[in-house]
Amino acid sequence: MITEKRCVPCQGGVPPLKSKEISKLLIQLEEGWEVFKNKEIRKTYLFSKYNDAIIFSNKIADLAEQEAHHPFIHINYKEVIIILFTHKINGLHENDFIVASKCDLIFKS
């Protein structure tokens, strides 16, 4: 299961995932994740209070440090948008899906 995996350091020169590989990983995630231009995945999380959005964002920041894979985190009042892609390859890597799956676990906890 993807939530049990750990991110591995990504070296430049590794090809980004192709559409077929992206589809196989996407079905392992909770609903709501969207693929953009086969280069990134994103999801919007909604909260009832601003402070809950901040607490979630801080937990995602801690996760990013643990995994050494850092998403863009956009906070707009009670909405948090997580955007994942791998900078070194300008596209998607399995690491992006590992972090995405763990974002969902944090949201459910």
Protein backbone atom coordinates (compact mmCIF):
# COMPACT_ATOMS: atom_id res chain seq x y z
CA MET A 1 0.00 0.00 0.00
CA ILE A 2 1.33 3.43 -0.92
CA THR A 3 0.79 4.93 2.56
CA GLU A 4 3.34 2.50 3.96
CA LYS A 5 6.10 3.59 1.57
CA ARG A 6 8.73 6.25 2.27
CA CYS A 7 9.99 8.84 -0.17
CA VAL A 8 13.36 8.21 -1.75
CA PRO A 9 15.71 11.01 -2.75
CA CYS A 10 15.01 11.92 -6.36
CA GLN A 11 18.00 12.52 -8.58
CA GLY A 12 17.80 14.77 -11.61
CA GLY A 13 17.67 12.96 -14.93
CA VAL A 14 15.01 10.49 -13.80
CA PRO A 15 12.09 10.61 -16.24
CA PRO A 16 8.76 11.81 -14.86
CA LEU A 17 5.91 9.33 -14.65
CA LYS A 18 3.89 8.68 -17.80
CA SER A 19 0.07 8.82 -17.95
CA LYS A 20 -0.36 5.08 -17.43
CA GLU A 21 1.88 5.08 -14.33
CA ILE A 22 0.10 8.16 -12.97
CA SER A 23 -3.29 6.46 -13.38
CA LYS A 24 -2.12 3.38 -11.46
CA LEU A 25 -0.94 5.52 -8.55
CA LEU A 26 -3.89 7.90 -8.60
CA ILE A 27 -6.38 5.10 -7.91
CA GLN A 28 -4.50 4.35 -4.68
CA LEU A 29 -5.35 7.81 -3.33
CA GLU A 30 -8.52 9.05 -1.66
CA GLU A 31 -11.02 10.92 -3.82
CA GLY A 32 -10.39 14.54 -4.67
CA TRP A 33 -6.87 14.40 -6.11
CA GLU A 34 -6.64 15.86 -9.59
CA VAL A 35 -3.85 15.59 -12.16
CA PHE A 36 -2.85 18.76 -14.02
CA LYS A 37 -1.00 18.52 -17.35
CA ASN A 38 0.45 15.17 -16.23
CA LYS A 39 2.93 17.25 -14.20
CA GLU A 40 1.30 17.76 -10.81
CA ILE A 41 -1.43 16.55 -8.50
CA ARG A 42 -3.52 18.74 -6.24
CA LYS A 43 -6.31 18.50 -3.74
CA THR A 44 -8.39 21.00 -1.79
CA TYR A 45 -9.18 20.28 1.86
CA LEU A 46 -11.98 22.21 3.57
CA PHE A 47 -12.20 22.97 7.30
CA SER A 48 -14.87 24.45 9.54
CA LYS A 49 -12.44 26.88 11.21
CA TYR A 50 -9.38 28.80 10.10
CA ASN A 51 -7.34 27.42 12.99
CA ASP A 52 -8.07 23.84 11.87
CA ALA A 53 -6.68 24.70 8.43
CA ILE A 54 -3.51 26.03 10.06
CA ILE A 55 -3.12 22.96 12.29
CA PHE A 56 -3.49 20.71 9.23
CA SER A 57 -0.97 22.78 7.27
CA ASN A 58 1.55 22.52 10.10
CA LYS A 59 1.11 18.74 10.19
CA ILE A 60 1.71 18.63 6.43
CA ALA A 61 4.87 20.70 6.93
CA ASP A 62 6.07 18.17 9.52
CA LEU A 63 5.29 15.33 7.10
CA ALA A 64 7.22 17.10 4.34
CA GLU A 65 10.27 17.34 6.57
CA GLN A 66 10.03 13.66 7.56
CA GLU A 67 9.73 12.56 3.94
CA ALA A 68 12.14 15.20 2.55
CA HIS A 69 9.53 15.94 -0.11
CA HIS A 70 7.83 19.33 0.10
CA PRO A 71 4.46 20.27 -1.41
CA PHE A 72 3.15 23.73 -2.11
CA ILE A 73 0.66 24.54 0.65
CA HIS A 74 -1.86 27.27 -0.13
CA ILE A 75 -4.03 28.48 2.74
CA ASN A 76 -7.13 30.51 2.01
CA TYR A 77 -9.03 30.97 5.26
CA LYS A 78 -10.72 27.56 5.81
CA GLU A 79 -9.38 25.98 2.62
CA VAL A 80 -5.99 24.32 2.14
CA ILE A 81 -4.75 23.35 -1.31
CA ILE A 82 -1.89 20.86 -1.53
CA ILE A 83 0.07 20.80 -4.80
CA LEU A 84 2.65 18.10 -5.40
CA PHE A 85 5.21 17.59 -8.13
CA THR A 86 8.89 16.81 -8.20
CA HIS A 87 10.92 19.91 -8.98
CA LYS A 88 14.08 18.09 -10.12
CA ILE A 89 12.24 16.29 -12.91
CA ASN A 90 9.53 18.91 -13.56
CA GLY A 91 6.84 16.27 -13.30
CA LEU A 92 5.41 13.51 -11.17
CA HIS A 93 7.35 10.88 -9.24
CA GLU A 94 6.11 8.14 -6.92
CA ASN A 95 7.16 10.39 -4.01
CA ASP A 96 4.35 12.79 -4.88
CA PHE A 97 1.77 10.04 -4.46
CA ILE A 98 3.35 8.82 -1.22
CA VAL A 99 3.06 12.29 0.31
CA ALA A 100 -0.46 12.72 -1.11
CA SER A 101 -1.61 9.49 0.53
CA LYS A 102 -0.17 10.60 3.85
CA CYS A 103 -1.87 14.01 3.56
CA ASP A 104 -5.17 12.15 3.38
CA LEU A 105 -4.28 10.11 6.47
CA ILE A 106 -3.51 13.31 8.37
CA PHE A 107 -6.80 14.85 7.25
CA LYS A 108 -8.76 11.81 8.46
CA SER A 109 -7.05 11.73 11.87
